[in-house]
């Protein structure tokens, strides 16, 4: 096997419409593709050269606060944090600064962890 890249990162969600309000309304992502019907399906968001997906079509695929996470690079870390707080998003890790970046971890409506990240120059 020769792995040539990461095709996408994906989160399971329980309520697709609620999840879309968070990913599109709060995070500002734009739908690239939708597969499914009504409230069951899979939504893809192209972000740069990568794709983030959310979906609820597989019955044994469950959200998990202890599972993997995606790091979303933002251009204005302070504005992103302010927007998340204004929308009442729960923080799993409050904003912090490291020698190489600024980061925080929030939960989506199903408890999946999302890292908000800004690299330093």
PDB file of N, CA and C in Angstrom:
ATOM      1  N   UNK A   1       0.848  -1.181   0.000  1.00  0.00           N
ATOM      2  CA  UNK A   1       0.000   0.000   0.000  1.00  0.00           C
ATOM      3  C   UNK A   1       0.888   1.238   0.000  1.00  0.00           C
ATOM      4  N   UNK A   2       0.523   2.213  -0.816  1.00  0.00           N
ATOM      5  CA  UNK A   2       1.239   3.481  -0.879  1.00  0.00           C
ATOM      6  C   UNK A   2       0.242   4.595  -0.585  1.00  0.00           C
ATOM      7  N   UNK A   3       0.243   5.103   0.638  1.00  0.00           N
ATOM      8  CA  UNK A   3      -0.667   6.181   1.015  1.00  0.00           C
ATOM      9  C   UNK A   3      -0.104   7.481   0.448  1.00  0.00           C
ATOM     10  N   UNK A   4      -0.923   8.195  -0.307  1.00  0.00           N
ATOM     11  CA  UNK A   4      -0.453   9.405  -0.979  1.00  0.00           C
ATOM     12  C   UNK A   4      -0.965  10.698  -0.364  1.00  0.00           C
ATOM     13  N   UNK A   5      -1.859  10.604   0.617  1.00  0.00           N
ATOM     14  CA  UNK A   5      -2.387  11.798   1.255  1.00  0.00           C
ATOM     15  C   UNK A   5      -3.560  11.447   2.141  1.00  0.00           C
ATOM     16  N   UNK A   6      -4.098  12.438   2.793  1.00  0.00           N
ATOM     17  CA  UNK A   6      -5.294  12.266   3.609  1.00  0.00           C
ATOM     18  C   UNK A   6      -6.474  12.730   2.769  1.00  0.00           C
ATOM     19  N   UNK A   7      -7.403  11.831   2.513  1.00  0.00           N
ATOM     20  CA  UNK A   7      -8.552  12.159   1.663  1.00  0.00           C
ATOM     21  C   UNK A   7      -9.480  13.144   2.362  1.00  0.00           C
ATOM     22  N   UNK A   8      -9.775  12.901   3.640  1.00  0.00           N
ATOM     23  CA  UNK A   8     -10.642  13.792   4.402  1.00  0.00           C
ATOM     24  C   UNK A   8     -10.568  13.414   5.875  1.00  0.00           C
ATOM     25  N   UNK A   9     -11.034  14.315   6.702  1.00  0.00           N
ATOM     26  CA  UNK A   9     -11.257  14.072   8.125  1.00  0.00           C
ATOM     27  C   UNK A   9     -12.756  14.161   8.321  1.00  0.00           C
ATOM     28  N   UNK A  10     -13.312  13.299   9.158  1.00  0.00           N
ATOM     29  CA  UNK A  10     -14.760  13.273   9.296  1.00  0.00           C
ATOM     30  C   UNK A  10     -15.183  13.042  10.739  1.00  0.00           C
ATOM     31  N   UNK A  11     -16.273  13.687  11.120  1.00  0.00           N
ATOM     32  CA  UNK A  11     -16.877  13.521  12.433  1.00  0.00           C
ATOM     33  C   UNK A  11     -18.268  12.920  12.304  1.00  0.00           C
ATOM     34  N   UNK A  12     -18.601  11.966  13.170  1.00  0.00           N
ATOM     35  CA  UNK A  12     -19.982  11.505  13.231  1.00  0.00           C
ATOM     36  C   UNK A  12     -20.804  12.509  14.043  1.00  0.00           C
ATOM     37  N   UNK A  13     -22.039  12.718  13.636  1.00  0.00           N
ATOM     38  CA  UNK A  13     -22.948  13.610  14.356  1.00  0.00           C
ATOM     39  C   UNK A  13     -24.293  12.905  14.523  1.00  0.00           C
ATOM     40  N   UNK A  14     -25.052  13.306  15.523  1.00  0.00           N
ATOM     41  CA  UNK A  14     -26.355  12.675  15.756  1.00  0.00           C
ATOM     42  C   UNK A  14     -27.490  13.423  15.071  1.00  0.00           C
ATOM     43  N   UNK A  15     -27.392  14.727  14.966  1.00  0.00           N
ATOM     44  CA  UNK A  15     -28.431  15.564  14.374  1.00  0.00           C
ATOM     45  C   UNK A  15     -27.762  16.407  13.298  1.00  0.00           C
ATOM     46  N   UNK A  16     -27.943  16.028  12.043  1.00  0.00           N
ATOM     47  CA  UNK A  16     -27.233  16.670  10.945  1.00  0.00           C
ATOM     48  C   UNK A  16     -27.578  18.147  10.811  1.00  0.00           C
ATOM     49  N   UNK A  17     -28.843  18.508  10.973  1.00  0.00           N
ATOM     50  CA  UNK A  17     -29.225  19.920  10.842  1.00  0.00           C
ATOM     51  C   UNK A  17     -28.612  20.765  11.962  1.00  0.00           C
ATOM     52  N   UNK A  18     -28.614  20.256  13.189  1.00  0.00           N
ATOM     53  CA  UNK A  18     -27.992  20.979  14.312  1.00  0.00           C
ATOM     54  C   UNK A  18     -26.498  21.117  14.060  1.00  0.00           C
ATOM     55  N   UNK A  19     -25.864  20.053  13.608  1.00  0.00           N
ATOM     56  CA  UNK A  19     -24.433  20.095  13.327  1.00  0.00           C
ATOM     57  C   UNK A  19     -24.126  21.106  12.223  1.00  0.00           C
ATOM     58  N   UNK A  20     -24.956  21.145  11.199  1.00  0.00           N
ATOM     59  CA  UNK A  20     -24.731  22.102  10.108  1.00  0.00           C
ATOM     60  C   UNK A  20     -24.860  23.540  10.601  1.00  0.00           C
ATOM     61  N   UNK A  21     -25.780  23.791  11.529  1.00  0.00           N
ATOM     62  CA  UNK A  21     -25.895  25.151  12.084  1.00  0.00           C
ATOM     63  C   UNK A  21     -24.595  25.542  12.770  1.00  0.00           C
ATOM     64  N   UNK A  22     -23.937  24.591  13.443  1.00  0.00           N
ATOM     65  CA  UNK A  22     -22.657  24.873  14.101  1.00  0.00           C
ATOM     66  C   UNK A  22     -21.537  25.040  13.068  1.00  0.00           C
ATOM     67  N   UNK A  23     -21.346  24.055  12.212  1.00  0.00           N
ATOM     68  CA  UNK A  23     -20.221  24.084  11.267  1.00  0.00           C
ATOM     69  C   UNK A  23     -20.352  25.204  10.242  1.00  0.00           C
ATOM     70  N   UNK A  24     -21.558  25.471   9.793  1.00  0.00           N
ATOM     71  CA  UNK A  24     -21.759  26.518   8.798  1.00  0.00           C
ATOM     72  C   UNK A  24     -22.047  27.877   9.441  1.00  0.00           C
ATOM     73  N   UNK A  25     -22.920  27.893  10.454  1.00  0.00           N
ATOM     74  CA  UNK A  25     -23.307  29.154  11.073  1.00  0.00           C
ATOM     75  C   UNK A  25     -22.270  29.720  12.011  1.00  0.00           C
ATOM     76  N   UNK A  26     -21.706  28.875  12.884  1.00  0.00           N
ATOM     77  CA  UNK A  26     -20.730  29.358  13.873  1.00  0.00           C
ATOM     78  C   UNK A  26     -19.322  29.377  13.292  1.00  0.00           C
ATOM     79  N   UNK A  27     -18.898  28.254  12.686  1.00  0.00           N
ATOM     80  CA  UNK A  27     -17.536  28.186  12.142  1.00  0.00           C
ATOM     81  C   UNK A  27     -17.409  28.861  10.778  1.00  0.00           C
ATOM     82  N   UNK A  28     -18.523  29.075  10.102  1.00  0.00           N
ATOM     83  CA  UNK A  28     -18.489  29.773   8.819  1.00  0.00           C
ATOM     84  C   UNK A  28     -18.062  28.915   7.636  1.00  0.00           C
ATOM     85  N   UNK A  29     -18.119  27.592   7.760  1.00  0.00           N
ATOM     86  CA  UNK A  29     -17.741  26.725   6.653  1.00  0.00           C
ATOM     87  C   UNK A  29     -18.836  26.705   5.593  1.00  0.00           C
ATOM     88  N   UNK A  30     -18.444  26.478   4.353  1.00  0.00           N
ATOM     89  CA  UNK A  30     -19.383  26.427   3.227  1.00  0.00           C
ATOM     90  C   UNK A  30     -19.457  25.006   2.702  1.00  0.00           C
ATOM     91  N   UNK A  31     -20.679  24.501   2.530  1.00  0.00           N
ATOM     92  CA  UNK A  31     -20.875  23.153   2.001  1.00  0.00           C
ATOM     93  C   UNK A  31     -20.250  23.032   0.618  1.00  0.00           C
ATOM     94  N   UNK A  32     -19.456  21.981   0.427  1.00  0.00           N
ATOM     95  CA  UNK A  32     -18.900  21.669  -0.887  1.00  0.00           C
ATOM     96  C   UNK A  32     -19.722  20.583  -1.569  1.00  0.00           C
ATOM     97  N   UNK A  33     -20.142  19.586  -0.787  1.00  0.00           N
ATOM     98  CA  UNK A  33     -20.920  18.476  -1.305  1.00  0.00           C
ATOM     99  C   UNK A  33     -21.820  17.920  -0.214  1.00  0.00           C
ATOM    100  N   UNK A  34     -22.962  17.362  -0.634  1.00  0.00           N
ATOM    101  CA  UNK A  34     -23.860  16.674   0.289  1.00  0.00           C
ATOM    102  C   UNK A  34     -24.272  15.364  -0.356  1.00  0.00           C
ATOM    103  N   UNK A  35     -24.179  14.286   0.399  1.00  0.00           N
ATOM    104  CA  UNK A  35     -24.608  12.970  -0.058  1.00  0.00           C
ATOM    105  C   UNK A  35     -25.657  12.479   0.932  1.00  0.00           C
ATOM    106  N   UNK A  36     -26.800  12.079   0.463  1.00  0.00           N
ATOM    107  CA  UNK A  36     -27.838  11.583   1.346  1.00  0.00           C
ATOM    108  C   UNK A  36     -29.173  12.201   1.030  1.00  0.00           C
ATOM    109  N   UNK A  37     -30.070  12.097   2.020  1.00  0.00           N
ATOM    110  CA  UNK A  37     -31.410  12.660   1.871  1.00  0.00           C
ATOM    111  C   UNK A  37     -31.870  13.219   3.206  1.00  0.00           C
ATOM    112  N   UNK A  38     -32.414  14.427   3.177  1.00  0.00           N
ATOM    113  CA  UNK A  38     -33.001  15.024   4.374  1.00  0.00           C
ATOM    114  C   UNK A  38     -32.024  15.152   5.520  1.00  0.00           C
ATOM    115  N   UNK A  39     -32.385  14.530   6.653  1.00  0.00           N
ATOM    116  CA  UNK A  39     -31.562  14.660   7.859  1.00  0.00           C
ATOM    117  C   UNK A  39     -30.569  13.514   8.028  1.00  0.00           C
ATOM    118  N   UNK A  40     -30.416  12.668   7.010  1.00  0.00           N
ATOM    119  CA  UNK A  40     -29.420  11.592   7.036  1.00  0.00           C
ATOM    120  C   UNK A  40     -28.474  11.803   5.867  1.00  0.00           C
ATOM    121  N   UNK A  41     -27.197  11.832   6.158  1.00  0.00           N
ATOM    122  CA  UNK A  41     -26.263  12.010   5.065  1.00  0.00           C
ATOM    123  C   UNK A  41     -24.883  12.395   5.520  1.00  0.00           C
ATOM    124  N   UNK A  42     -24.156  12.950   4.592  1.00  0.00           N
ATOM    125  CA  UNK A  42     -22.752  13.283   4.772  1.00  0.00           C
ATOM    126  C   UNK A  42     -22.498  14.606   4.074  1.00  0.00           C
ATOM    127  N   UNK A  43     -21.975  15.593   4.807  1.00  0.00           N
ATOM    128  CA  UNK A  43     -21.675  16.910   4.254  1.00  0.00           C
ATOM    129  C   UNK A  43     -20.157  17.070   4.223  1.00  0.00           C
ATOM    130  N   UNK A  44     -19.634  17.552   3.101  1.00  0.00           N
ATOM    131  CA  UNK A  44     -18.203  17.831   2.988  1.00  0.00           C
ATOM    132  C   UNK A  44     -17.980  19.333   2.880  1.00  0.00           C
ATOM    133  N   UNK A  45     -16.930  19.787   3.571  1.00  0.00           N
ATOM    134  CA  UNK A  45     -16.497  21.183   3.526  1.00  0.00           C
ATOM    135  C   UNK A  45     -15.048  21.188   3.057  1.00  0.00           C
ATOM    136  N   UNK A  46     -14.786  21.756   1.878  1.00  0.00           N
ATOM    137  CA  UNK A  46     -13.413  21.881   1.413  1.00  0.00           C
ATOM    138  C   UNK A  46     -12.783  23.080   2.109  1.00  0.00           C
ATOM    139  N   UNK A  47     -11.632  22.843   2.725  1.00  0.00           N
ATOM    140  CA  UNK A  47     -10.897  23.886   3.443  1.00  0.00           C
ATOM    141  C   UNK A  47      -9.477  23.844   2.909  1.00  0.00           C
ATOM    142  N   UNK A  48      -9.109  24.816   2.088  1.00  0.00           N
ATOM    143  CA  UNK A  48      -7.801  24.768   1.455  1.00  0.00           C
ATOM    144  C   UNK A  48      -7.699  23.501   0.619  1.00  0.00           C
ATOM    145  N   UNK A  49      -6.609  22.757   0.793  1.00  0.00           N
ATOM    146  CA  UNK A  49      -6.405  21.516   0.047  1.00  0.00           C
ATOM    147  C   UNK A  49      -7.021  20.312   0.757  1.00  0.00           C
ATOM    148  N   UNK A  50      -7.742  20.533   1.856  1.00  0.00           N
ATOM    149  CA  UNK A  50      -8.279  19.444   2.669  1.00  0.00           C
ATOM    150  C   UNK A  50      -9.796  19.471   2.706  1.00  0.00           C
ATOM    151  N   UNK A  51     -10.372  18.387   3.200  1.00  0.00           N
ATOM    152  CA  UNK A  51     -11.823  18.292   3.321  1.00  0.00           C
ATOM    153  C   UNK A  51     -12.187  17.806   4.717  1.00  0.00           C
ATOM    154  N   UNK A  52     -13.138  18.497   5.334  1.00  0.00           N
ATOM    155  CA  UNK A  52     -13.717  18.085   6.607  1.00  0.00           C
ATOM    156  C   UNK A  52     -15.134  17.624   6.316  1.00  0.00           C
ATOM    157  N   UNK A  53     -15.492  16.454   6.815  1.00  0.00           N
ATOM    158  CA  UNK A  53     -16.835  15.938   6.620  1.00  0.00           C
ATOM    159  C   UNK A  53     -17.550  15.738   7.942  1.00  0.00           C
ATOM    160  N   UNK A  54     -18.875  15.803   7.896  1.00  0.00           N
ATOM    161  CA  UNK A  54     -19.720  15.423   9.028  1.00  0.00           C
ATOM    162  C   UNK A  54     -20.802  14.519   8.477  1.00  0.00           C
ATOM    163  N   UNK A  55     -21.237  13.570   9.275  1.00  0.00           N
ATOM    164  CA  UNK A  55     -22.269  12.687   8.767  1.00  0.00           C
ATOM    165  C   UNK A  55     -22.904  11.832   9.841  1.00  0.00           C
ATOM    166  N   UNK A  56     -24.028  11.214   9.467  1.00  0.00           N
ATOM    167  CA  UNK A  56     -24.745  10.371  10.412  1.00  0.00           C
ATOM    168  C   UNK A  56     -25.381   9.164   9.730  1.00  0.00           C
ATOM    169  N   UNK A  57     -24.763   8.655   8.689  1.00  0.00           N
ATOM    170  CA  UNK A  57     -25.365   7.569   7.948  1.00  0.00           C
ATOM    171  C   UNK A  57     -25.040   6.171   8.441  1.00  0.00           C
ATOM    172  N   UNK A  58     -24.011   6.010   9.259  1.00  0.00           N
ATOM    173  CA  UNK A  58     -23.621   4.674   9.724  1.00  0.00           C
ATOM    174  C   UNK A  58     -24.067   4.493  11.174  1.00  0.00           C
ATOM    175  N   UNK A  59     -24.919   3.516  11.456  1.00  0.00           N
ATOM    176  CA  UNK A  59     -25.511   3.397  12.794  1.00  0.00           C
ATOM    177  C   UNK A  59     -24.516   3.133  13.928  1.00  0.00           C
ATOM    178  N   UNK A  60     -23.404   2.513  13.679  1.00  0.00           N
ATOM    179  CA  UNK A  60     -22.439   2.236  14.748  1.00  0.00           C
ATOM    180  C   UNK A  60     -21.333   3.277  14.840  1.00  0.00           C
ATOM    181  N   UNK A  61     -21.407   4.329  14.068  1.00  0.00           N
ATOM    182  CA  UNK A  61     -20.412   5.395  14.056  1.00  0.00           C
ATOM    183  C   UNK A  61     -20.925   6.505  14.958  1.00  0.00           C
ATOM    184  N   UNK A  62     -20.329   6.650  16.153  1.00  0.00           N
ATOM    185  CA  UNK A  62     -20.855   7.531  17.191  1.00  0.00           C
ATOM    186  C   UNK A  62     -19.892   8.684  17.509  1.00  0.00           C
ATOM    187  N   UNK A  63     -20.432   9.860  17.835  1.00  0.00           N
ATOM    188  CA  UNK A  63     -19.597  10.969  18.291  1.00  0.00           C
ATOM    189  C   UNK A  63     -18.870  10.591  19.582  1.00  0.00           C
ATOM    190  N   UNK A  64     -17.733  11.243  19.799  1.00  0.00           N
ATOM    191  CA  UNK A  64     -16.963  10.951  21.008  1.00  0.00           C
ATOM    192  C   UNK A  64     -16.087  12.127  21.395  1.00  0.00           C
ATOM    193  N   UNK A  65     -16.263  12.643  22.612  1.00  0.00           N
ATOM    194  CA  UNK A  65     -15.387  13.730  23.060  1.00  0.00           C
ATOM    195  C   UNK A  65     -13.951  13.263  23.251  1.00  0.00           C
ATOM    196  N   UNK A  66     -13.731  11.971  23.402  1.00  0.00           N
ATOM    197  CA  UNK A  66     -12.387  11.443  23.589  1.00  0.00           C
ATOM    198  C   UNK A  66     -11.755  10.925  22.317  1.00  0.00           C
ATOM    199  N   UNK A  67     -12.428  11.113  21.183  1.00  0.00           N
ATOM    200  CA  UNK A  67     -11.909  10.605  19.920  1.00  0.00           C
ATOM    201  C   UNK A  67     -10.913  11.555  19.285  1.00  0.00           C
ATOM    202  N   UNK A  68     -10.692  11.370  18.005  1.00  0.00           N
ATOM    203  CA  UNK A  68      -9.759  12.215  17.262  1.00  0.00           C
ATOM    204  C   UNK A  68     -10.259  13.645  17.170  1.00  0.00           C
ATOM    205  N   UNK A  69      -9.445  14.496  16.604  1.00  0.00           N
ATOM    206  CA  UNK A  69      -9.867  15.880  16.441  1.00  0.00           C
ATOM    207  C   UNK A  69      -9.245  16.468  15.179  1.00  0.00           C
ATOM    208  N   UNK A  70      -9.826  17.546  14.733  1.00  0.00           N
ATOM    209  CA  UNK A  70      -9.310  18.283  13.593  1.00  0.00           C
ATOM    210  C   UNK A  70      -8.840  19.637  14.107  1.00  0.00           C
ATOM    211  N   UNK A  71      -7.739  20.124  13.560  1.00  0.00           N
ATOM    212  CA  UNK A  71      -7.239  21.453  13.896  1.00  0.00           C
ATOM    213  C   UNK A  71      -7.573  22.404  12.764  1.00  0.00           C
ATOM    214  N   UNK A  72      -8.376  23.413  13.031  1.00  0.00           N
ATOM    215  CA  UNK A  72      -8.747  24.392  12.018  1.00  0.00           C
ATOM    216  C   UNK A  72      -7.860  25.621  12.155  1.00  0.00           C
ATOM    217  N   UNK A  73      -7.086  25.904  11.127  1.00  0.00           N
ATOM    218  CA  UNK A  73      -6.212  27.074  11.111  1.00  0.00           C
ATOM    219  C   UNK A  73      -7.063  28.303  10.801  1.00  0.00           C
ATOM    220  N   UNK A  74      -6.942  29.348  11.627  1.00  0.00           N
ATOM    221  CA  UNK A  74      -7.708  30.581  11.428  1.00  0.00           C
ATOM    222  C   UNK A  74      -6.764  31.740  11.170  1.00  0.00           C
ATOM    223  N   UNK A  75      -7.255  32.755  10.473  1.00  0.00           N
ATOM    224  CA  UNK A  75      -6.399  33.908  10.196  1.00  0.00           C
ATOM    225  C   UNK A  75      -6.395  34.920  11.335  1.00  0.00           C
ATOM    226  N   UNK A  76      -7.446  34.957  12.146  1.00  0.00           N
ATOM    227  CA  UNK A  76      -7.526  35.885  13.275  1.00  0.00           C
ATOM    228  C   UNK A  76      -7.987  35.093  14.505  1.00  0.00           C
ATOM    229  N   UNK A  77      -7.030  34.675  15.313  1.00  0.00           N
ATOM    230  CA  UNK A  77      -7.316  33.819  16.459  1.00  0.00           C
ATOM    231  C   UNK A  77      -8.237  34.515  17.456  1.00  0.00           C
ATOM    232  N   UNK A  78      -7.957  35.756  17.793  1.00  0.00           N
ATOM    233  CA  UNK A  78      -8.773  36.480  18.778  1.00  0.00           C
ATOM    234  C   UNK A  78     -10.219  36.617  18.306  1.00  0.00           C
ATOM    235  N   UNK A  79     -10.409  36.938  17.033  1.00  0.00           N
ATOM    236  CA  UNK A  79     -11.769  37.070  16.495  1.00  0.00           C
ATOM    237  C   UNK A  79     -12.489  35.723  16.495  1.00  0.00           C
ATOM    238  N   UNK A  80     -11.773  34.647  16.179  1.00  0.00           N
ATOM    239  CA  UNK A  80     -12.386  33.316  16.176  1.00  0.00           C
ATOM    240  C   UNK A  80     -12.840  32.935  17.580  1.00  0.00           C
ATOM    241  N   UNK A  81     -12.001  33.198  18.571  1.00  0.00           N
ATOM    242  CA  UNK A  81     -12.346  32.871  19.963  1.00  0.00           C
ATOM    243  C   UNK A  81     -13.545  33.703  20.406  1.00  0.00           C
ATOM    244  N   UNK A  82     -13.543  34.980  20.063  1.00  0.00           N
ATOM    245  CA  UNK A  82     -14.665  35.850  20.427  1.00  0.00           C
ATOM    246  C   UNK A  82     -15.975  35.340  19.811  1.00  0.00           C
ATOM    247  N   UNK A  83     -15.923  34.907  18.557  1.00  0.00           N
ATOM    248  CA  UNK A  83     -17.124  34.392  17.889  1.00  0.00           C
ATOM    249  C   UNK A  83     -17.621  33.123  18.569  1.00  0.00           C
ATOM    250  N   UNK A  84     -16.706  32.219  18.910  1.00  0.00           N
ATOM    251  CA  UNK A  84     -17.096  30.973  19.574  1.00  0.00           C
ATOM    252  C   UNK A  84     -17.725  31.256  20.934  1.00  0.00           C
ATOM    253  N   UNK A  85     -17.128  32.170  21.683  1.00  0.00           N
ATOM    254  CA  UNK A  85     -17.675  32.518  23.008  1.00  0.00           C
ATOM    255  C   UNK A  85     -19.034  33.194  22.869  1.00  0.00           C
ATOM    256  N   UNK A  86     -19.183  34.062  21.873  1.00  0.00           N
ATOM    257  CA  UNK A  86     -20.465  34.745  21.658  1.00  0.00           C
ATOM    258  C   UNK A  86     -21.574  33.752  21.306  1.00  0.00           C
ATOM    259  N   UNK A  87     -21.199  32.627  20.710  1.00  0.00           N
ATOM    260  CA  UNK A  87     -22.169  31.593  20.349  1.00  0.00           C
ATOM    261  C   UNK A  87     -22.330  30.539  21.432  1.00  0.00           C
ATOM    262  N   UNK A  88     -21.692  30.738  22.590  1.00  0.00           N
ATOM    263  CA  UNK A  88     -21.861  29.828  23.715  1.00  0.00           C
ATOM    264  C   UNK A  88     -21.204  28.472  23.544  1.00  0.00           C
ATOM    265  N   UNK A  89     -20.203  28.387  22.700  1.00  0.00           N
ATOM    266  CA  UNK A  89     -19.522  27.102  22.479  1.00  0.00           C
ATOM    267  C   UNK A  89     -18.754  26.694  23.737  1.00  0.00           C
ATOM    268  N   UNK A  90     -18.887  25.442  24.145  1.00  0.00           N
ATOM    269  CA  UNK A  90     -18.136  24.977  25.317  1.00  0.00           C
ATOM    270  C   UNK A  90     -16.653  24.764  24.977  1.00  0.00           C
ATOM    271  N   UNK A  91     -15.792  25.297  25.828  1.00  0.00           N
ATOM    272  CA  UNK A  91     -14.341  25.152  25.640  1.00  0.00           C
ATOM    273  C   UNK A  91     -13.839  23.979  26.461  1.00  0.00           C
ATOM    274  N   UNK A  92     -13.162  23.048  25.790  1.00  0.00           N
ATOM    275  CA  UNK A  92     -12.511  21.921  26.466  1.00  0.00           C
ATOM    276  C   UNK A  92     -11.115  22.330  26.918  1.00  0.00           C
ATOM    277  N   UNK A  93     -10.519  23.267  26.182  1.00  0.00           N
ATOM    278  CA  UNK A  93      -9.220  23.849  26.534  1.00  0.00           C
ATOM    279  C   UNK A  93      -9.314  25.331  26.217  1.00  0.00           C
ATOM    280  N   UNK A  94      -9.176  26.150  27.245  1.00  0.00           N
ATOM    281  CA  UNK A  94      -9.241  27.593  27.047  1.00  0.00           C
ATOM    282  C   UNK A  94      -8.075  28.036  26.163  1.00  0.00           C
ATOM    283  N   UNK A  95      -8.221  29.179  25.487  1.00  0.00           N
ATOM    284  CA  UNK A  95      -7.150  29.651  24.611  1.00  0.00           C
ATOM    285  C   UNK A  95      -5.816  29.735  25.355  1.00  0.00           C
ATOM    286  N   UNK A  96      -4.771  29.288  24.652  1.00  0.00           N
ATOM    287  CA  UNK A  96      -3.438  29.360  25.221  1.00  0.00           C
ATOM    288  C   UNK A  96      -2.431  29.644  24.133  1.00  0.00           C
ATOM    289  N   UNK A  97      -1.274  30.109  24.566  1.00  0.00           N
ATOM    290  CA  UNK A  97      -0.188  30.416  23.646  1.00  0.00           C
ATOM    291  C   UNK A  97       0.960  29.458  23.912  1.00  0.00           C
ATOM    292  N   UNK A  98       1.511  28.902  22.850  1.00  0.00           N
ATOM    293  CA  UNK A  98       2.706  28.063  22.945  1.00  0.00           C
ATOM    294  C   UNK A  98       3.834  28.812  22.228  1.00  0.00           C
ATOM    295  N   UNK A  99       5.038  28.300  22.248  1.00  0.00           N
ATOM    296  CA  UNK A  99       6.108  28.978  21.511  1.00  0.00           C
ATOM    297  C   UNK A  99       5.859  29.058  19.997  1.00  0.00           C
ATOM    298  N   UNK A 100       5.006  28.178  19.448  1.00  0.00           N
ATOM    299  CA  UNK A 100       4.812  28.152  17.996  1.00  0.00           C
ATOM    300  C   UNK A 100       3.406  28.505  17.534  1.00  0.00           C
ATOM    301  N   UNK A 101       2.441  28.605  18.475  1.00  0.00           N
ATOM    302  CA  UNK A 101       1.064  28.824  18.036  1.00  0.00           C
ATOM    303  C   UNK A 101       0.182  29.341  19.168  1.00  0.00           C
ATOM    304  N   UNK A 102      -1.048  29.672  18.775  1.00  0.00           N
ATOM    305  CA  UNK A 102      -2.153  29.925  19.701  1.00  0.00           C
ATOM    306  C   UNK A 102      -3.168  28.832  19.422  1.00  0.00           C
ATOM    307  N   UNK A 103      -3.797  28.289  20.459  1.00  0.00           N
ATOM    308  CA  UNK A 103      -4.781  27.240  20.241  1.00  0.00           C
ATOM    309  C   UNK A 103      -5.803  27.189  21.359  1.00  0.00           C
ATOM    310  N   UNK A 104      -6.936  26.604  21.042  1.00  0.00           N
ATOM    311  CA  UNK A 104      -8.010  26.339  21.996  1.00  0.00           C
ATOM    312  C   UNK A 104      -8.766  25.135  21.458  1.00  0.00           C
ATOM    313  N   UNK A 105      -9.494  24.465  22.333  1.00  0.00           N
ATOM    314  CA  UNK A 105     -10.305  23.330  21.900  1.00  0.00           C
ATOM    315  C   UNK A 105     -11.742  23.569  22.338  1.00  0.00           C
ATOM    316  N   UNK A 106     -12.660  23.465  21.373  1.00  0.00           N
ATOM    317  CA  UNK A 106     -14.085  23.588  21.647  1.00  0.00           C
ATOM    318  C   UNK A 106     -14.770  22.275  21.288  1.00  0.00           C
ATOM    319  N   UNK A 107     -16.011  22.142  21.738  1.00  0.00           N
ATOM    320  CA  UNK A 107     -16.813  20.971  21.402  1.00  0.00           C
ATOM    321  C   UNK A 107     -17.894  21.367  20.415  1.00  0.00           C
ATOM    322  N   UNK A 108     -18.156  20.483  19.452  1.00  0.00           N
ATOM    323  CA  UNK A 108     -19.309  20.697  18.582  1.00  0.00           C
ATOM    324  C   UNK A 108     -20.551  20.254  19.353  1.00  0.00           C
ATOM    325  N   UNK A 109     -21.750  20.382  18.797  1.00  0.00           N
ATOM    326  CA  UNK A 109     -22.955  20.014  19.548  1.00  0.00           C
ATOM    327  C   UNK A 109     -23.015  18.555  20.001  1.00  0.00           C
ATOM    328  N   UNK A 110     -22.224  17.663  19.386  1.00  0.00           N
ATOM    329  CA  UNK A 110     -22.202  16.256  19.791  1.00  0.00           C
ATOM    330  C   UNK A 110     -21.039  15.925  20.714  1.00  0.00           C
ATOM    331  N   UNK A 111     -20.226  16.914  21.071  1.00  0.00           N
ATOM    332  CA  UNK A 111     -19.095  16.673  21.968  1.00  0.00           C
ATOM    333  C   UNK A 111     -17.795  16.369  21.265  1.00  0.00           C
ATOM    334  N   UNK A 112     -17.778  16.318  19.915  1.00  0.00           N
ATOM    335  CA  UNK A 112     -16.524  16.116  19.187  1.00  0.00           C
ATOM    336  C   UNK A 112     -15.613  17.318  19.418  1.00  0.00           C
ATOM    337  N   UNK A 113     -14.320  17.064  19.560  1.00  0.00           N
ATOM    338  CA  UNK A 113     -13.353  18.130  19.815  1.00  0.00           C
ATOM    339  C   UNK A 113     -12.869  18.768  18.520  1.00  0.00           C
ATOM    340  N   UNK A 114     -12.821  20.102  18.522  1.00  0.00           N
ATOM    341  CA  UNK A 114     -12.313  20.867  17.385  1.00  0.00           C
ATOM    342  C   UNK A 114     -11.253  21.822  17.918  1.00  0.00           C
ATOM    343  N   UNK A 115     -10.059  21.746  17.343  1.00  0.00           N
ATOM    344  CA  UNK A 115      -8.971  22.632  17.746  1.00  0.00           C
ATOM    345  C   UNK A 115      -9.020  23.875  16.861  1.00  0.00           C
ATOM    346  N   UNK A 116      -9.051  25.033  17.494  1.00  0.00           N
ATOM    347  CA  UNK A 116      -8.934  26.302  16.782  1.00  0.00           C
ATOM    348  C   UNK A 116      -7.471  26.708  16.925  1.00  0.00           C
ATOM    349  N   UNK A 117      -6.812  26.994  15.810  1.00  0.00           N
ATOM    350  CA  UNK A 117      -5.345  27.094  15.801  1.00  0.00           C
ATOM    351  C   UNK A 117      -4.866  28.248  14.946  1.00  0.00           C
ATOM    352  N   UNK A 118      -3.800  28.889  15.393  1.00  0.00           N
ATOM    353  CA  UNK A 118      -3.136  29.935  14.581  1.00  0.00           C
ATOM    354  C   UNK A 118      -1.639  29.781  14.772  1.00  0.00           C
ATOM    355  N   UNK A 119      -0.937  29.425  13.682  1.00  0.00           N
ATOM    356  CA  UNK A 119       0.521  29.320  13.729  1.00  0.00           C
ATOM    357  C   UNK A 119       1.148  30.706  13.862  1.00  0.00           C
ATOM    358  N   UNK A 120       2.276  30.754  14.578  1.00  0.00           N
ATOM    359  CA  UNK A 120       3.049  31.989  14.624  1.00  0.00           C
ATOM    360  C   UNK A 120       3.976  32.012  13.409  1.00  0.00           C
ATOM    361  N   UNK A 121       4.375  33.184  12.996  1.00  0.00           N
ATOM    362  CA  UNK A 121       5.272  33.297  11.834  1.00  0.00           C
ATOM    363  C   UNK A 121       6.627  32.701  12.122  1.00  0.00           C
TER     364      UNK A 121
END
